Protein backbone atom coordinates (compact mmCIF):
# COMPACT_ATOMS: atom_id res chain seq x y z
CA MET A 1 18.75 27.49 19.18
CA CYS A 2 16.20 28.53 16.95
CA THR A 3 17.24 26.64 14.22
CA GLN A 4 17.14 23.73 16.10
CA SER A 5 13.77 24.14 17.25
CA LEU A 6 12.38 24.94 13.88
CA LEU A 7 14.15 21.49 12.81
CA ALA A 8 12.60 19.83 15.88
CA ILE A 9 9.01 21.05 14.66
CA SER A 10 9.70 20.71 11.48
CA GLY A 11 10.43 17.00 11.72
CA SER A 12 7.55 16.33 14.50
CA THR A 13 4.88 17.54 11.26
CA ASN A 14 6.68 15.35 9.09
CA THR A 15 6.14 12.39 11.52
CA MET A 16 2.39 13.41 12.04
CA LYS A 17 1.58 13.18 7.97
CA MET A 18 3.72 9.90 7.77
CA ASP A 19 1.23 8.24 10.36
CA THR A 20 -1.81 9.85 8.48
CA ILE A 21 -3.93 7.76 6.30
CA LEU A 22 -3.71 9.26 2.71
CA PRO A 23 -6.96 10.90 1.57
CA PRO A 24 -8.65 9.92 -1.88
CA VAL A 25 -8.08 13.50 -2.90
CA PHE A 26 -5.07 15.51 -1.69
CA LEU A 27 -2.62 18.01 -2.80
CA ILE A 28 0.60 16.94 -4.48
CA GLY A 29 3.15 18.22 -1.74
CA GLU A 30 1.04 17.83 0.73
CA PHE A 31 1.55 14.08 1.63
CA GLU A 32 4.86 13.68 0.37
CA ASN A 33 5.51 10.56 2.18
CA GLN A 34 2.53 8.74 1.69
CA TYR A 35 2.23 10.02 -2.27
CA ASN A 36 5.45 8.30 -3.16
CA GLU A 37 4.75 5.14 -1.40
CA LEU A 38 1.32 5.05 -3.70
CA ILE A 39 3.85 5.96 -6.85
CA VAL A 40 5.39 2.71 -6.20
CA ASP A 41 2.24 0.98 -5.56
CA TYR A 42 0.71 1.91 -8.65
CA GLU A 43 3.74 1.70 -10.50
CA THR A 44 2.20 0.37 -13.98
CA LEU A 45 1.24 3.44 -16.28
CA LEU A 46 -1.96 3.84 -17.90
CA PHE A 47 0.38 3.70 -21.47
CA THR A 48 1.18 0.07 -20.81
CA VAL A 49 -2.14 -1.08 -19.78
CA CYS A 50 -3.24 0.51 -23.47
CA ASP A 51 -0.75 -2.19 -25.12
CA PHE A 52 1.86 0.64 -25.57
CA ASP A 53 -0.88 2.78 -27.88
CA MET A 54 -0.57 6.67 -27.55
CA ASP A 55 -3.78 7.13 -29.18
CA ALA A 56 -6.02 4.51 -26.74
CA ALA A 57 -4.18 5.66 -23.50
CA PHE A 58 -5.09 9.28 -24.63
CA SER A 59 -8.59 8.79 -25.95
CA LYS A 60 -9.17 7.21 -22.45
CA TRP A 61 -7.51 10.07 -20.48
CA GLN A 62 -9.59 12.67 -22.37
CA SER A 63 -12.94 10.64 -21.77
CA MET A 64 -11.84 10.96 -17.81
CA LEU A 65 -11.83 14.62 -18.11
CA ARG A 66 -14.56 15.26 -20.15
CA GLY A 67 -16.51 13.16 -17.29
CA ILE A 68 -15.01 15.79 -14.56
CA ASP A 69 -16.44 18.76 -16.60
CA THR A 70 -19.63 17.21 -17.18
CA PHE A 71 -19.71 16.23 -13.55
CA ALA A 72 -18.47 19.84 -12.76
CA GLU A 73 -21.25 21.58 -14.83
CA ARG A 74 -23.76 19.49 -13.27
CA ASN A 75 -23.08 20.35 -9.58
CA ASP A 76 -22.67 24.20 -10.74
CA VAL A 77 -18.65 24.56 -10.10
CA ASP A 78 -17.01 26.62 -13.01
CA LEU A 79 -13.94 25.14 -14.13
CA ASP A 80 -13.22 27.13 -17.29
CA GLY A 81 -9.95 28.16 -16.92
CA VAL A 82 -8.40 25.57 -14.75
CA LYS A 83 -5.52 24.20 -15.77
CA ILE A 84 -4.03 21.34 -13.59
CA TRP A 85 -1.89 18.76 -12.84
CA LEU A 86 -3.19 15.17 -11.91
CA ASN A 87 -2.06 12.27 -10.89
CA VAL A 88 -4.99 9.52 -10.71
CA PHE A 89 -4.24 6.00 -9.18
CA MET A 90 -6.66 3.36 -10.74
CA GLU A 91 -7.99 -0.15 -9.46
CA PRO A 92 -8.20 -3.13 -11.95
CA GLY A 93 -11.80 -2.57 -12.06
CA GLY A 94 -11.49 1.21 -12.77
CA GLU A 95 -12.08 2.51 -9.89
CA ILE A 96 -10.18 5.69 -8.91
CA SER A 97 -8.21 5.15 -5.44
CA HIS A 98 -6.66 8.38 -5.21
CA LEU A 99 -6.27 11.69 -6.88
CA ALA A 100 -3.74 14.01 -6.41
CA TYR A 101 -3.90 17.65 -7.92
CA TYR A 102 -1.90 20.84 -8.35
CA LEU A 103 -2.79 24.15 -10.44
CA LYS A 104 -0.69 25.39 -12.81
CA PRO A 105 0.94 28.70 -12.49
CA MET A 106 -1.23 30.00 -15.27
CA SER A 107 -4.69 28.60 -13.90
CA LYS A 108 -7.75 30.60 -13.35
CA ASN A 109 -7.95 30.68 -9.39
CA ILE A 110 -10.27 28.07 -7.92
CA ASP A 111 -11.19 27.71 -4.36
CA ASP A 112 -9.18 24.51 -3.35
CA ALA A 113 -12.17 23.15 -0.84
CA ILE A 114 -14.64 23.10 -3.55
CA LEU A 115 -12.24 21.69 -6.06
CA LYS A 116 -11.39 19.01 -3.50
CA ALA A 117 -14.96 18.25 -2.86
CA LEU A 118 -15.43 18.32 -6.56
CA PHE A 119 -12.75 15.41 -7.19
CA LYS A 120 -13.96 13.52 -3.89
CA GLU A 121 -17.54 13.35 -4.97
CA PHE A 122 -16.39 12.45 -8.64
CA ILE A 123 -14.51 9.65 -8.06
CA LYS A 124 -17.02 7.95 -5.69
CA ASP A 125 -18.91 6.39 -8.45
CA TYR A 126 -16.55 7.18 -11.75
CA ARG A 127 -14.98 3.90 -13.17
CA PHE A 128 -11.83 4.71 -15.70
CA PRO A 129 -12.97 3.15 -18.95
CA LEU A 130 -10.19 0.38 -18.82
CA LEU A 131 -9.95 -2.77 -17.04
CA ALA A 132 -6.86 -4.05 -15.80
CA LYS A 133 -4.73 -6.99 -13.99
CA SER A 134 -3.37 -4.95 -11.66
CA THR A 135 -3.65 -1.29 -10.38
CA TYR A 136 -1.91 1.45 -12.50
CA SER A 137 -1.55 5.20 -12.64
CA HIS A 138 -1.64 8.30 -14.66
CA TYR A 139 -0.03 11.62 -14.30
CA GLY A 140 -1.46 14.14 -16.81
CA THR A 141 -2.26 17.43 -17.29
CA ALA A 142 -5.62 19.04 -17.93
CA SER A 143 -7.00 22.39 -19.38
CA PHE A 144 -10.89 22.95 -18.73
CA PRO A 145 -13.35 23.22 -20.79
CA VAL A 146 -12.22 20.05 -22.49
CA PHE A 147 -12.83 19.94 -25.95
CA PRO A 148 -13.22 17.33 -28.57
CA ILE A 149 -9.75 16.17 -29.99
CA ARG A 150 -9.43 16.40 -33.87
CA ASN A 151 -8.03 13.19 -35.35
CA THR A 152 -6.01 13.78 -38.32
CA THR A 153 -5.02 10.51 -39.10
CA ALA A 154 -8.41 9.85 -40.87
CA PRO A 155 -7.76 7.70 -44.02
CA THR A 156 -10.33 10.16 -46.14
CA GLY A 157 -7.58 12.91 -45.76
CA GLY A 158 -9.98 15.09 -43.76
CA GLY A 159 -9.89 15.55 -39.72
CA GLN A 160 -13.02 13.64 -37.77
CA LEU A 161 -13.52 14.41 -34.12
CA SER A 162 -12.95 11.62 -31.73
CA THR A 163 -15.55 10.46 -29.40
CA GLY A 164 -12.83 9.46 -27.00
CA GLN A 165 -14.32 5.55 -26.60
CA ASN A 166 -12.49 2.99 -27.69
């Protein structure tokens, strides 16, 4: 009887979450049903929108991560040491409609309310540096601080710093 009560409570909790409107920023695992629907709705990947050019997709992703890093610094939020999984859902004009995240096991601890508020404010005005014909998404990782990436394929034989802008 105790197990049946727990299952009934668990089932009603899932029903409540299913009927809840998905917030723009949320922890991966919080709204599982809506999150799965979002993945289907934004099935086109950043890599595809970048015409299967890994360097272009990575450059765009790094540009956004540097934007988050800079935004955090301007708002006195110390992200140094934060390691995170991110799933970002973009509109054709580059607007971010949803950002899902989860701290990696070896990440520095950071107050979840602060991180959620930071992401929520960041996505209000940020535009991903890529226009597309349809919605798209990207699932990736980030480690802060974000450093420039060395481009080792420079024709001069030496590495050069990538600006992250294509």
